[in-house]
């Protein structure tokens, strides 16, 4: 009969055998075959790549890392933004909302233009006055409601143009293209702190794919 502690001991023995198999006959480690991006993602990889202390120091330094700031510039009546918010931004925000690693700022202004005529400001929107009215409604919603509530409302109503996305006050075309394809991975890769479970689940799949090649 196997006691409660025996499964753990069997796992440790199995792990030891695996590590022994990673050593060559002359007693030298076969080396690190993993990309640097994975060195600190798993204790086994850290040990094999001989960076255990460096990873420990890194975790200490980044434990209070700042969240990734994501700013979305959009308009209220343009179809591409609707697809981006529905298929990429909203799912990413919902996945990371509880982790605190992503700060999202919505700017319902996009390609609007303003001109001062006398004492008044005249706003011109890409799709016309109706879009300006939609931008105004969404701006007021963000001003008067808690962000999570406001975003839920905007997400339901949004039919906007393709947005401009900024990360940490930096906007590049490469980042925008990556955001279109996989915003969750991009936010997780930019965040400098220990990745939350939501990021680790995706990185675990990446790590498994890479480890399977060796």
N, C-alpha and C. Protein backbone atom coordinates (compact mmCIF):
# COMPACT_ATOMS: atom_id res chain seq x y z
N UNK A 1 0.85 -1.19 0.00
CA UNK A 1 0.00 0.00 0.00
C UNK A 1 0.89 1.24 0.00
N UNK A 2 0.48 2.27 -0.77
CA UNK A 2 1.26 3.51 -0.86
C UNK A 2 0.70 4.51 0.13
N UNK A 3 1.56 5.03 1.01
CA UNK A 3 1.13 6.01 2.00
C UNK A 3 0.97 7.37 1.33
N UNK A 4 0.44 8.35 2.12
CA UNK A 4 0.19 9.68 1.57
C UNK A 4 1.44 10.36 1.09
N UNK A 5 2.60 10.09 1.71
CA UNK A 5 3.83 10.77 1.33
C UNK A 5 4.57 10.06 0.22
N UNK A 6 4.22 8.79 -0.04
CA UNK A 6 4.97 8.01 -1.01
C UNK A 6 4.83 8.52 -2.45
N UNK A 7 3.63 8.97 -2.90
CA UNK A 7 3.55 9.49 -4.26
C UNK A 7 4.52 10.64 -4.49
N UNK A 8 4.66 11.51 -3.48
CA UNK A 8 5.59 12.63 -3.63
C UNK A 8 7.02 12.13 -3.72
N UNK A 9 7.37 11.11 -2.88
CA UNK A 9 8.72 10.57 -2.92
C UNK A 9 8.99 9.90 -4.27
N UNK A 10 7.98 9.21 -4.80
CA UNK A 10 8.15 8.59 -6.11
C UNK A 10 8.38 9.64 -7.19
N UNK A 11 7.68 10.76 -7.06
CA UNK A 11 7.89 11.84 -8.02
C UNK A 11 9.31 12.38 -7.92
N UNK A 12 9.81 12.53 -6.69
CA UNK A 12 11.17 13.03 -6.52
C UNK A 12 12.18 12.07 -7.12
N UNK A 13 11.95 10.76 -6.95
CA UNK A 13 12.85 9.77 -7.53
C UNK A 13 12.81 9.85 -9.06
N UNK A 14 11.59 9.99 -9.59
CA UNK A 14 11.44 10.10 -11.04
C UNK A 14 12.16 11.34 -11.56
N UNK A 15 11.98 12.45 -10.83
CA UNK A 15 12.64 13.69 -11.22
C UNK A 15 14.16 13.53 -11.20
N UNK A 16 14.69 12.85 -10.17
CA UNK A 16 16.13 12.64 -10.06
C UNK A 16 16.64 11.82 -11.24
N UNK A 17 15.89 10.80 -11.62
CA UNK A 17 16.29 9.98 -12.76
C UNK A 17 16.34 10.82 -14.03
N UNK A 18 15.33 11.67 -14.22
CA UNK A 18 15.30 12.53 -15.40
C UNK A 18 16.52 13.44 -15.43
N UNK A 19 16.87 14.01 -14.27
CA UNK A 19 18.02 14.91 -14.22
C UNK A 19 19.31 14.14 -14.47
N UNK A 20 19.40 12.89 -13.98
CA UNK A 20 20.60 12.08 -14.22
C UNK A 20 20.75 11.81 -15.71
N UNK A 21 19.62 11.58 -16.38
CA UNK A 21 19.66 11.31 -17.82
C UNK A 21 20.10 12.52 -18.61
N UNK A 22 20.00 13.70 -18.00
CA UNK A 22 20.43 14.91 -18.69
C UNK A 22 21.91 15.17 -18.52
N UNK A 23 22.62 14.27 -17.81
CA UNK A 23 24.05 14.40 -17.62
C UNK A 23 24.77 13.40 -18.52
N UNK A 24 25.84 13.83 -19.16
CA UNK A 24 26.58 12.94 -20.03
C UNK A 24 27.42 11.98 -19.22
N UNK A 25 28.02 11.00 -19.88
CA UNK A 25 28.77 9.96 -19.19
C UNK A 25 29.99 10.48 -18.46
N UNK A 26 30.53 11.63 -18.90
CA UNK A 26 31.71 12.16 -18.21
C UNK A 26 31.34 13.09 -17.06
N UNK A 27 30.02 13.16 -16.77
CA UNK A 27 29.59 13.91 -15.59
C UNK A 27 29.31 15.37 -15.86
N UNK A 28 29.31 15.80 -17.12
CA UNK A 28 29.07 17.20 -17.44
C UNK A 28 27.65 17.37 -17.96
N UNK A 29 27.08 18.51 -17.60
CA UNK A 29 25.72 18.80 -18.06
C UNK A 29 25.71 19.01 -19.57
N UNK A 30 24.66 18.53 -20.22
CA UNK A 30 24.63 18.64 -21.68
C UNK A 30 24.35 20.07 -22.12
N UNK A 31 24.07 20.96 -21.21
CA UNK A 31 23.92 22.36 -21.57
C UNK A 31 22.48 22.83 -21.58
N UNK A 32 22.34 24.10 -21.87
CA UNK A 32 21.04 24.76 -21.88
C UNK A 32 20.56 24.88 -23.32
N UNK A 33 19.43 24.24 -23.59
CA UNK A 33 18.89 24.27 -24.95
C UNK A 33 17.60 25.09 -25.03
N UNK A 34 17.41 25.98 -24.05
CA UNK A 34 16.17 26.75 -24.00
C UNK A 34 16.46 28.22 -24.28
N UNK A 35 15.54 28.93 -24.92
CA UNK A 35 15.73 30.36 -25.19
C UNK A 35 15.73 31.15 -23.88
N UNK A 36 16.44 32.28 -23.84
CA UNK A 36 16.52 33.09 -22.61
C UNK A 36 15.16 33.48 -22.04
N UNK A 37 14.16 33.63 -22.90
CA UNK A 37 12.84 34.03 -22.42
C UNK A 37 12.21 33.01 -21.48
N UNK A 38 12.73 31.76 -21.48
CA UNK A 38 12.18 30.70 -20.63
C UNK A 38 13.08 30.34 -19.46
N UNK A 39 14.23 30.94 -19.35
CA UNK A 39 15.19 30.55 -18.31
C UNK A 39 14.61 30.64 -16.90
N UNK A 40 13.84 31.68 -16.64
CA UNK A 40 13.29 31.87 -15.29
C UNK A 40 11.84 31.42 -15.18
N UNK A 41 11.33 30.75 -16.19
CA UNK A 41 9.93 30.34 -16.17
C UNK A 41 9.71 29.04 -15.42
N UNK A 42 10.78 28.29 -15.16
CA UNK A 42 10.63 26.99 -14.51
C UNK A 42 11.92 26.66 -13.77
N UNK A 43 11.84 26.15 -12.52
CA UNK A 43 13.04 25.83 -11.75
C UNK A 43 13.96 24.83 -12.46
N UNK A 44 13.38 23.87 -13.18
CA UNK A 44 14.20 22.89 -13.87
C UNK A 44 15.04 23.54 -14.96
N UNK A 45 14.41 24.47 -15.69
CA UNK A 45 15.13 25.17 -16.75
C UNK A 45 16.20 26.07 -16.15
N UNK A 46 15.88 26.75 -15.05
CA UNK A 46 16.87 27.62 -14.39
C UNK A 46 18.08 26.82 -13.95
N UNK A 47 17.84 25.62 -13.40
CA UNK A 47 18.94 24.78 -12.95
C UNK A 47 19.78 24.29 -14.12
N UNK A 48 19.10 23.84 -15.15
CA UNK A 48 19.83 23.31 -16.30
C UNK A 48 20.65 24.39 -17.00
N UNK A 49 20.13 25.62 -17.02
CA UNK A 49 20.84 26.72 -17.67
C UNK A 49 21.77 27.45 -16.70
N UNK A 50 21.83 26.97 -15.45
CA UNK A 50 22.75 27.51 -14.44
C UNK A 50 22.53 28.99 -14.19
N UNK A 51 21.26 29.38 -14.06
CA UNK A 51 20.91 30.77 -13.78
C UNK A 51 19.97 30.86 -12.58
N UNK A 52 20.06 29.91 -11.67
CA UNK A 52 19.13 29.88 -10.53
C UNK A 52 19.23 31.14 -9.69
N UNK A 53 20.46 31.59 -9.38
CA UNK A 53 20.63 32.77 -8.54
C UNK A 53 20.17 34.02 -9.28
N UNK A 54 20.50 34.10 -10.57
CA UNK A 54 20.07 35.26 -11.34
C UNK A 54 18.55 35.36 -11.41
N UNK A 55 17.88 34.21 -11.56
CA UNK A 55 16.42 34.22 -11.60
C UNK A 55 15.83 34.60 -10.25
N UNK A 56 16.47 34.14 -9.18
CA UNK A 56 16.00 34.51 -7.84
C UNK A 56 16.14 36.01 -7.62
N UNK A 57 17.26 36.57 -8.06
CA UNK A 57 17.47 38.02 -7.93
C UNK A 57 16.46 38.78 -8.77
N UNK A 58 16.20 38.27 -9.98
CA UNK A 58 15.25 38.94 -10.87
C UNK A 58 13.85 38.95 -10.27
N UNK A 59 13.44 37.83 -9.68
CA UNK A 59 12.09 37.76 -9.09
C UNK A 59 11.96 38.75 -7.93
N UNK A 60 13.05 38.93 -7.18
CA UNK A 60 13.03 39.87 -6.07
C UNK A 60 12.88 41.30 -6.58
N UNK A 61 13.56 41.61 -7.67
CA UNK A 61 13.56 42.96 -8.20
C UNK A 61 12.23 43.35 -8.83
N UNK A 62 11.54 42.39 -9.45
CA UNK A 62 10.35 42.72 -10.22
C UNK A 62 9.04 42.38 -9.52
N UNK A 63 9.12 41.97 -8.26
CA UNK A 63 7.89 41.55 -7.60
C UNK A 63 6.88 42.69 -7.46
N UNK A 64 7.39 43.96 -7.47
CA UNK A 64 6.50 45.11 -7.39
C UNK A 64 6.43 45.84 -8.72
N UNK A 65 6.52 45.12 -9.81
CA UNK A 65 6.54 45.73 -11.14
C UNK A 65 5.24 46.48 -11.42
N UNK A 66 5.37 47.54 -12.22
CA UNK A 66 4.21 48.33 -12.59
C UNK A 66 3.37 47.59 -13.62
N UNK A 67 2.08 47.83 -13.64
CA UNK A 67 1.23 47.18 -14.64
C UNK A 67 1.52 47.74 -16.03
N UNK A 68 1.09 47.01 -17.04
CA UNK A 68 1.22 47.46 -18.43
C UNK A 68 0.08 48.42 -18.73
N UNK A 69 0.42 49.62 -19.18
CA UNK A 69 -0.59 50.62 -19.51
C UNK A 69 -0.96 50.52 -20.98
N UNK A 70 -2.21 50.22 -21.25
CA UNK A 70 -2.71 50.08 -22.62
C UNK A 70 -3.76 51.16 -22.86
N UNK A 71 -3.54 51.98 -23.90
CA UNK A 71 -4.49 53.03 -24.25
C UNK A 71 -5.08 52.73 -25.62
N UNK A 72 -6.39 52.74 -25.70
CA UNK A 72 -7.08 52.47 -26.96
C UNK A 72 -7.76 53.74 -27.46
N UNK A 73 -7.35 54.20 -28.65
CA UNK A 73 -8.00 55.33 -29.32
C UNK A 73 -8.96 54.76 -30.37
N UNK A 74 -10.22 55.14 -30.31
CA UNK A 74 -11.20 54.57 -31.21
C UNK A 74 -12.29 55.58 -31.49
N UNK A 75 -13.21 55.21 -32.37
CA UNK A 75 -14.36 56.04 -32.71
C UNK A 75 -15.63 55.21 -32.55
N UNK A 76 -16.72 55.87 -32.39
CA UNK A 76 -17.94 55.15 -31.99
C UNK A 76 -18.72 54.51 -33.12
N UNK A 77 -18.36 54.78 -34.39
CA UNK A 77 -19.16 54.23 -35.49
C UNK A 77 -18.30 53.64 -36.60
N UNK A 78 -17.27 52.88 -36.24
CA UNK A 78 -16.40 52.30 -37.26
C UNK A 78 -16.23 50.81 -36.99
N UNK A 79 -16.41 49.99 -38.02
CA UNK A 79 -16.59 48.56 -37.84
C UNK A 79 -15.33 47.82 -37.38
N UNK A 80 -14.14 48.24 -37.81
CA UNK A 80 -12.93 47.49 -37.45
C UNK A 80 -12.69 47.51 -35.95
N UNK A 81 -12.99 48.63 -35.31
CA UNK A 81 -12.82 48.71 -33.85
C UNK A 81 -13.76 47.74 -33.14
N UNK A 82 -14.94 47.60 -33.68
CA UNK A 82 -15.90 46.66 -33.09
C UNK A 82 -15.30 45.27 -33.06
N UNK A 83 -14.67 44.87 -34.16
CA UNK A 83 -14.08 43.53 -34.21
C UNK A 83 -12.89 43.42 -33.26
N UNK A 84 -12.06 44.46 -33.20
CA UNK A 84 -10.90 44.42 -32.31
C UNK A 84 -11.34 44.34 -30.85
N UNK A 85 -12.31 45.15 -30.48
CA UNK A 85 -12.77 45.15 -29.09
C UNK A 85 -13.47 43.84 -28.74
N UNK A 86 -14.24 43.31 -29.66
CA UNK A 86 -14.98 42.08 -29.39
C UNK A 86 -14.05 40.86 -29.33
N UNK A 87 -13.13 40.76 -30.30
CA UNK A 87 -12.34 39.54 -30.46
C UNK A 87 -11.01 39.56 -29.72
N UNK A 88 -10.47 40.75 -29.40
CA UNK A 88 -9.14 40.81 -28.82
C UNK A 88 -9.10 41.59 -27.50
N UNK A 89 -9.53 42.84 -27.52
CA UNK A 89 -9.36 43.69 -26.34
C UNK A 89 -10.22 43.23 -25.16
N UNK A 90 -11.49 43.05 -25.40
CA UNK A 90 -12.39 42.69 -24.31
C UNK A 90 -12.03 41.34 -23.68
N UNK A 91 -11.78 40.27 -24.46
CA UNK A 91 -11.37 39.00 -23.84
C UNK A 91 -10.07 39.12 -23.04
N UNK A 92 -9.11 39.90 -23.56
CA UNK A 92 -7.85 40.08 -22.83
C UNK A 92 -8.08 40.81 -21.52
N UNK A 93 -8.88 41.86 -21.56
CA UNK A 93 -9.19 42.63 -20.35
C UNK A 93 -9.91 41.77 -19.32
N UNK A 94 -10.87 40.97 -19.76
CA UNK A 94 -11.58 40.11 -18.82
C UNK A 94 -10.65 39.06 -18.22
N UNK A 95 -9.71 38.54 -19.02
CA UNK A 95 -8.78 37.53 -18.53
C UNK A 95 -7.84 38.11 -17.48
N UNK A 96 -7.39 39.34 -17.70
CA UNK A 96 -6.37 39.94 -16.82
C UNK A 96 -6.93 40.90 -15.79
N UNK A 97 -8.23 41.14 -15.80
CA UNK A 97 -8.84 42.15 -14.93
C UNK A 97 -8.49 41.93 -13.47
N UNK A 98 -8.55 40.70 -13.00
CA UNK A 98 -8.32 40.40 -11.58
C UNK A 98 -6.84 40.35 -11.20
N UNK A 99 -5.94 40.36 -12.20
CA UNK A 99 -4.52 40.22 -11.90
C UNK A 99 -3.85 41.54 -11.57
N UNK A 100 -4.38 42.64 -12.09
CA UNK A 100 -3.78 43.94 -11.84
C UNK A 100 -2.57 44.24 -12.70
N UNK A 101 -2.25 43.40 -13.70
CA UNK A 101 -1.05 43.66 -14.50
C UNK A 101 -1.33 44.52 -15.72
N UNK A 102 -2.60 44.87 -15.96
CA UNK A 102 -2.95 45.67 -17.14
C UNK A 102 -3.85 46.83 -16.74
N UNK A 103 -3.42 48.04 -17.07
CA UNK A 103 -4.24 49.24 -16.90
C UNK A 103 -4.77 49.64 -18.27
N UNK A 104 -6.07 49.64 -18.43
CA UNK A 104 -6.68 49.97 -19.73
C UNK A 104 -7.30 51.36 -19.67
N UNK A 105 -6.99 52.17 -20.68
CA UNK A 105 -7.56 53.51 -20.81
C UNK A 105 -8.24 53.60 -22.17
N UNK A 106 -9.50 53.99 -22.19
CA UNK A 106 -10.26 54.11 -23.43
C UNK A 106 -10.43 55.59 -23.79
N UNK A 107 -10.15 55.92 -25.05
CA UNK A 107 -10.28 57.30 -25.53
C UNK A 107 -11.20 57.29 -26.75
N UNK A 108 -12.50 57.55 -26.56
CA UNK A 108 -13.43 57.55 -27.68
C UNK A 108 -13.36 58.85 -28.47
N UNK A 109 -12.26 59.02 -29.17
CA UNK A 109 -12.01 60.26 -29.90
C UNK A 109 -11.46 59.96 -31.29
N UNK A 110 -10.48 59.06 -31.37
CA UNK A 110 -9.98 58.58 -32.66
C UNK A 110 -9.56 59.67 -33.61
N UNK A 111 -10.18 59.69 -34.80
CA UNK A 111 -9.81 60.63 -35.85
C UNK A 111 -10.64 61.91 -35.84
N UNK A 112 -11.23 62.24 -34.73
CA UNK A 112 -12.00 63.48 -34.63
C UNK A 112 -11.07 64.69 -34.72
N UNK A 113 -11.59 65.78 -35.20
CA UNK A 113 -10.85 67.03 -35.32
C UNK A 113 -11.64 68.14 -34.63
N UNK A 114 -10.91 69.09 -34.04
CA UNK A 114 -11.58 70.19 -33.39
C UNK A 114 -11.08 71.52 -33.96
N UNK A 115 -11.99 72.46 -34.09
CA UNK A 115 -11.68 73.80 -34.61
C UNK A 115 -12.39 74.83 -33.74
N UNK A 116 -11.64 75.84 -33.34
CA UNK A 116 -12.23 76.89 -32.51
C UNK A 116 -12.80 77.98 -33.41
N UNK A 117 -14.09 78.21 -33.26
CA UNK A 117 -14.79 79.25 -34.01
C UNK A 117 -15.36 80.23 -33.00
N UNK A 118 -14.73 81.39 -32.88
CA UNK A 118 -15.14 82.34 -31.85
C UNK A 118 -14.88 81.77 -30.48
N UNK A 119 -15.91 81.70 -29.67
CA UNK A 119 -15.79 81.16 -28.33
C UNK A 119 -16.17 79.68 -28.26
N UNK A 120 -16.44 79.08 -29.39
CA UNK A 120 -16.90 77.69 -29.40
C UNK A 120 -15.90 76.77 -30.10
N UNK A 121 -15.92 75.51 -29.65
CA UNK A 121 -15.14 74.47 -30.31
C UNK A 121 -16.07 73.65 -31.18
N UNK A 122 -15.72 73.51 -32.44
CA UNK A 122 -16.50 72.71 -33.38
C UNK A 122 -15.76 71.40 -33.63
N UNK A 123 -16.43 70.28 -33.39
CA UNK A 123 -15.83 68.96 -33.57
C UNK A 123 -16.33 68.33 -34.87
N UNK A 124 -15.40 67.78 -35.62
CA UNK A 124 -15.72 67.09 -36.86
C UNK A 124 -15.25 65.65 -36.76
N UNK A 125 -16.13 64.70 -36.98
CA UNK A 125 -15.80 63.28 -36.83
C UNK A 125 -15.80 62.61 -38.20
N UNK A 126 -15.07 61.52 -38.30
CA UNK A 126 -14.85 60.85 -39.58
C UNK A 126 -16.14 60.41 -40.24
N UNK A 127 -17.09 59.90 -39.46
CA UNK A 127 -18.33 59.38 -40.01
C UNK A 127 -19.46 60.41 -39.93
N UNK A 128 -19.19 61.56 -39.31
CA UNK A 128 -20.20 62.60 -39.25
C UNK A 128 -20.70 62.89 -37.85
N UNK A 129 -21.72 63.76 -37.74
CA UNK A 129 -22.22 64.20 -36.44
C UNK A 129 -22.70 63.05 -35.54
N UNK A 130 -23.27 62.03 -36.14
CA UNK A 130 -23.76 60.90 -35.33
C UNK A 130 -22.61 60.23 -34.58
N UNK A 131 -21.46 60.14 -35.24
CA UNK A 131 -20.30 59.55 -34.56
C UNK A 131 -19.81 60.45 -33.44
N UNK A 132 -19.81 61.77 -33.67
CA UNK A 132 -19.43 62.70 -32.61
C UNK A 132 -20.34 62.54 -31.39
N UNK A 133 -21.62 62.37 -31.65
CA UNK A 133 -22.58 62.16 -30.55
C UNK A 133 -22.26 60.87 -29.81
N UNK A 134 -21.94 59.80 -30.55
CA UNK A 134 -21.56 58.54 -29.91
C UNK A 134 -20.29 58.68 -29.09
N UNK A 135 -19.29 59.40 -29.62
CA UNK A 135 -18.06 59.64 -28.86
C UNK A 135 -18.36 60.37 -27.56
N UNK A 136 -19.26 61.35 -27.64
CA UNK A 136 -19.61 62.13 -26.45
C UNK A 136 -20.30 61.25 -25.41
N UNK A 137 -21.22 60.40 -25.84
CA UNK A 137 -21.91 59.51 -24.90
C UNK A 137 -20.92 58.58 -24.20
N UNK A 138 -19.99 58.03 -24.96
CA UNK A 138 -19.02 57.10 -24.38
C UNK A 138 -18.05 57.82 -23.44
N UNK A 139 -17.68 59.06 -23.80
CA UNK A 139 -16.81 59.86 -22.92
C UNK A 139 -17.52 60.15 -21.61
N UNK A 140 -18.80 60.51 -21.67
CA UNK A 140 -19.55 60.78 -20.44
C UNK A 140 -19.71 59.50 -19.61
N UNK A 141 -19.91 58.39 -20.28
CA UNK A 141 -20.02 57.12 -19.56
C UNK A 141 -18.75 56.82 -18.78
N UNK A 142 -17.59 57.03 -19.43
CA UNK A 142 -16.31 56.81 -18.76
C UNK A 142 -16.09 57.78 -17.61
N UNK A 143 -16.64 58.99 -17.74
CA UNK A 143 -16.44 60.01 -16.70
C UNK A 143 -17.30 59.74 -15.47
N UNK A 144 -18.53 59.31 -15.68
CA UNK A 144 -19.46 59.21 -14.57
C UNK A 144 -19.59 57.81 -13.97
N UNK A 145 -19.15 56.79 -14.67
CA UNK A 145 -19.28 55.43 -14.17
C UNK A 145 -17.91 54.84 -13.82
N UNK A 146 -17.85 53.89 -12.87
CA UNK A 146 -16.59 53.16 -12.64
C UNK A 146 -16.14 52.52 -13.96
N UNK A 147 -14.83 52.42 -14.12
CA UNK A 147 -14.32 51.99 -15.41
C UNK A 147 -14.89 50.64 -15.85
N UNK A 148 -14.93 49.67 -14.95
CA UNK A 148 -15.40 48.34 -15.34
C UNK A 148 -16.84 48.39 -15.85
N UNK A 149 -17.67 49.21 -15.19
CA UNK A 149 -19.06 49.36 -15.64
C UNK A 149 -19.12 50.08 -16.98
N UNK A 150 -18.34 51.16 -17.09
CA UNK A 150 -18.34 51.94 -18.33
C UNK A 150 -17.88 51.09 -19.51
N UNK A 151 -16.86 50.28 -19.29
CA UNK A 151 -16.36 49.47 -20.40
C UNK A 151 -17.37 48.42 -20.82
N UNK A 152 -18.07 47.85 -19.86
CA UNK A 152 -19.10 46.88 -20.22
C UNK A 152 -20.17 47.53 -21.10
N UNK A 153 -20.53 48.77 -20.76
CA UNK A 153 -21.54 49.49 -21.55
C UNK A 153 -21.01 49.79 -22.94
N UNK A 154 -19.78 50.30 -23.01
CA UNK A 154 -19.19 50.66 -24.30
C UNK A 154 -18.98 49.42 -25.16
N UNK A 155 -18.58 48.33 -24.52
CA UNK A 155 -18.37 47.09 -25.27
C UNK A 155 -19.67 46.63 -25.94
N UNK A 156 -20.76 46.80 -25.25
CA UNK A 156 -22.05 46.39 -25.81
C UNK A 156 -22.47 47.29 -26.99
N UNK A 157 -22.10 48.58 -26.91
CA UNK A 157 -22.59 49.53 -27.90
C UNK A 157 -21.62 49.79 -29.04
N UNK A 158 -20.39 49.33 -28.88
CA UNK A 158 -19.32 49.78 -29.79
C UNK A 158 -19.43 49.21 -31.20
N UNK A 159 -19.35 50.10 -32.18
CA UNK A 159 -19.27 49.73 -33.60
C UNK A 159 -18.31 50.70 -34.28
N UNK A 160 -17.03 50.68 -33.85
CA UNK A 160 -16.14 51.77 -34.23
C UNK A 160 -15.07 51.38 -35.22
N UNK A 161 -14.30 52.40 -35.62
CA UNK A 161 -13.20 52.23 -36.56
C UNK A 161 -12.04 51.52 -35.90
N UNK A 162 -11.08 51.05 -36.73
CA UNK A 162 -9.92 50.35 -36.17
C UNK A 162 -9.14 51.29 -35.29
N UNK A 163 -8.81 50.87 -34.08
CA UNK A 163 -8.22 51.77 -33.10
C UNK A 163 -6.71 51.91 -33.24
N UNK A 164 -6.20 52.91 -32.56
CA UNK A 164 -4.77 53.03 -32.33
C UNK A 164 -4.51 52.55 -30.92
N UNK A 165 -3.58 51.62 -30.74
CA UNK A 165 -3.31 51.04 -29.43
C UNK A 165 -1.92 51.44 -28.99
N UNK A 166 -1.80 51.93 -27.76
CA UNK A 166 -0.51 52.32 -27.22
C UNK A 166 -0.20 51.49 -25.99
N UNK A 167 1.09 51.16 -25.82
CA UNK A 167 1.57 50.42 -24.67
C UNK A 167 2.60 51.25 -23.94
N UNK A 168 2.33 51.48 -22.63
CA UNK A 168 3.28 52.21 -21.80
C UNK A 168 3.66 53.53 -22.47
N UNK A 169 2.68 54.23 -23.04
CA UNK A 169 2.82 55.51 -23.74
C UNK A 169 3.67 55.38 -25.01
N UNK A 170 3.89 54.18 -25.50
CA UNK A 170 4.64 53.96 -26.72
C UNK A 170 3.74 53.31 -27.75
N UNK A 171 3.75 53.86 -28.97
CA UNK A 171 2.94 53.28 -30.03
C UNK A 171 3.82 53.01 -31.24
N UNK A 172 3.88 51.75 -31.66
CA UNK A 172 4.62 51.39 -32.87
C UNK A 172 3.72 50.53 -33.74
N UNK A 173 4.00 50.50 -35.02
CA UNK A 173 3.20 49.66 -35.92
C UNK A 173 3.36 48.19 -35.58
N UNK A 174 4.59 47.78 -35.17
CA UNK A 174 4.81 46.38 -34.82
C UNK A 174 3.96 45.98 -33.63
N UNK A 175 3.89 46.86 -32.61
CA UNK A 175 3.06 46.56 -31.44
C UNK A 175 1.60 46.47 -31.83
N UNK A 176 1.17 47.37 -32.72
CA UNK A 176 -0.23 47.35 -33.12
C UNK A 176 -0.57 46.06 -33.86
N UNK A 177 0.36 45.59 -34.71
CA UNK A 177 0.13 44.34 -35.43
C UNK A 177 0.07 43.16 -34.47
N UNK A 178 0.98 43.16 -33.46
CA UNK A 178 0.95 42.09 -32.47
C UNK A 178 -0.33 42.13 -31.65
N UNK A 179 -0.79 43.34 -31.34
CA UNK A 179 -2.02 43.48 -30.57
C UNK A 179 -3.21 42.92 -31.33
N UNK A 180 -3.21 43.10 -32.65
CA UNK A 180 -4.30 42.57 -33.47
C UNK A 180 -4.35 41.04 -33.40
N UNK A 181 -3.16 40.41 -33.34
CA UNK A 181 -3.08 38.95 -33.40
C UNK A 181 -3.25 38.28 -32.04
N UNK A 182 -2.60 38.85 -31.01
CA UNK A 182 -2.62 38.19 -29.70
C UNK A 182 -2.30 39.21 -28.61
N UNK A 183 -3.30 39.98 -28.21
CA UNK A 183 -3.10 41.04 -27.22
C UNK A 183 -2.71 40.47 -25.87
N UNK A 184 -3.27 39.33 -25.48
CA UNK A 184 -2.97 38.74 -24.19
C UNK A 184 -1.47 38.41 -24.08
N UNK A 185 -0.92 37.77 -25.10
CA UNK A 185 0.50 37.43 -25.08
C UNK A 185 1.37 38.68 -25.05
N UNK A 186 0.94 39.72 -25.77
CA UNK A 186 1.73 40.95 -25.81
C UNK A 186 1.76 41.62 -24.45
N UNK A 187 0.60 41.73 -23.79
CA UNK A 187 0.56 42.33 -22.46
C UNK A 187 1.40 41.52 -21.48
N UNK A 188 1.27 40.20 -21.53
CA UNK A 188 2.03 39.34 -20.63
C UNK A 188 3.52 39.45 -20.87
N UNK A 189 3.93 39.64 -22.13
CA UNK A 189 5.36 39.73 -22.44
C UNK A 189 5.93 41.08 -22.02
N UNK A 190 5.11 42.14 -22.04
CA UNK A 190 5.60 43.47 -21.65
C UNK A 190 5.67 43.60 -20.14
N UNK A 191 4.74 42.96 -19.43
CA UNK A 191 4.72 43.08 -17.97
C UNK A 191 6.02 42.56 -17.37
N UNK A 192 6.64 43.37 -16.48
CA UNK A 192 7.95 43.06 -15.93
C UNK A 192 7.93 42.29 -14.62
N UNK A 193 6.75 42.10 -14.05
CA UNK A 193 6.66 41.39 -12.77
C UNK A 193 6.46 39.89 -12.97
N UNK A 194 6.38 39.16 -11.85
CA UNK A 194 6.09 37.72 -11.95
C UNK A 194 4.76 37.52 -12.66
N UNK A 195 4.70 36.71 -13.69
CA UNK A 195 3.46 36.56 -14.46
C UNK A 195 2.37 35.89 -13.64
N UNK A 196 1.13 36.39 -13.73
CA UNK A 196 0.02 35.74 -13.04
C UNK A 196 -0.33 34.42 -13.71
N UNK A 197 -1.21 33.68 -13.07
CA UNK A 197 -1.61 32.37 -13.57
C UNK A 197 -2.14 32.44 -14.99
N UNK A 198 -2.86 33.53 -15.30
CA UNK A 198 -3.45 33.66 -16.63
C UNK A 198 -2.38 33.73 -17.72
N UNK A 199 -1.22 34.32 -17.37
CA UNK A 199 -0.11 34.37 -18.33
C UNK A 199 0.64 33.05 -18.34
N UNK A 200 0.80 32.45 -17.17
CA UNK A 200 1.56 31.21 -17.07
C UNK A 200 0.91 30.08 -17.86
N UNK A 201 -0.42 30.07 -17.91
CA UNK A 201 -1.11 29.00 -18.63
C UNK A 201 -0.72 29.02 -20.10
N UNK A 202 -0.63 30.22 -20.66
CA UNK A 202 -0.26 30.32 -22.05
C UNK A 202 1.22 30.04 -22.25
N UNK A 203 2.05 30.50 -21.31
CA UNK A 203 3.49 30.27 -21.44
C UNK A 203 3.83 28.81 -21.23
N UNK A 204 3.04 28.11 -20.41
CA UNK A 204 3.27 26.69 -20.20
C UNK A 204 3.13 25.92 -21.50
N UNK A 205 2.16 26.32 -22.32
CA UNK A 205 1.98 25.67 -23.61
C UNK A 205 3.17 25.95 -24.52
N UNK A 206 3.65 27.19 -24.47
CA UNK A 206 4.82 27.55 -25.28
C UNK A 206 6.04 26.76 -24.82
N UNK A 207 6.20 26.65 -23.48
CA UNK A 207 7.34 25.93 -22.94
C UNK A 207 7.27 24.44 -23.30
N UNK A 208 6.07 23.87 -23.25
CA UNK A 208 5.90 22.46 -23.57
C UNK A 208 6.25 22.20 -25.03
N UNK A 209 5.85 23.13 -25.90
CA UNK A 209 6.16 22.98 -27.31
C UNK A 209 7.66 23.00 -27.57
N UNK A 210 8.36 23.89 -26.84
CA UNK A 210 9.81 24.01 -27.03
C UNK A 210 10.53 22.83 -26.43
N UNK A 211 10.14 22.42 -25.19
CA UNK A 211 10.80 21.31 -24.53
C UNK A 211 10.61 20.01 -25.32
N UNK A 212 9.52 19.91 -26.05
CA UNK A 212 9.28 18.71 -26.83
C UNK A 212 10.25 18.55 -27.99
N UNK A 213 10.99 19.61 -28.29
CA UNK A 213 11.93 19.55 -29.40
C UNK A 213 13.30 19.02 -28.98
N UNK A 214 13.51 18.88 -27.66
CA UNK A 214 14.84 18.49 -27.16
C UNK A 214 14.80 17.08 -26.56
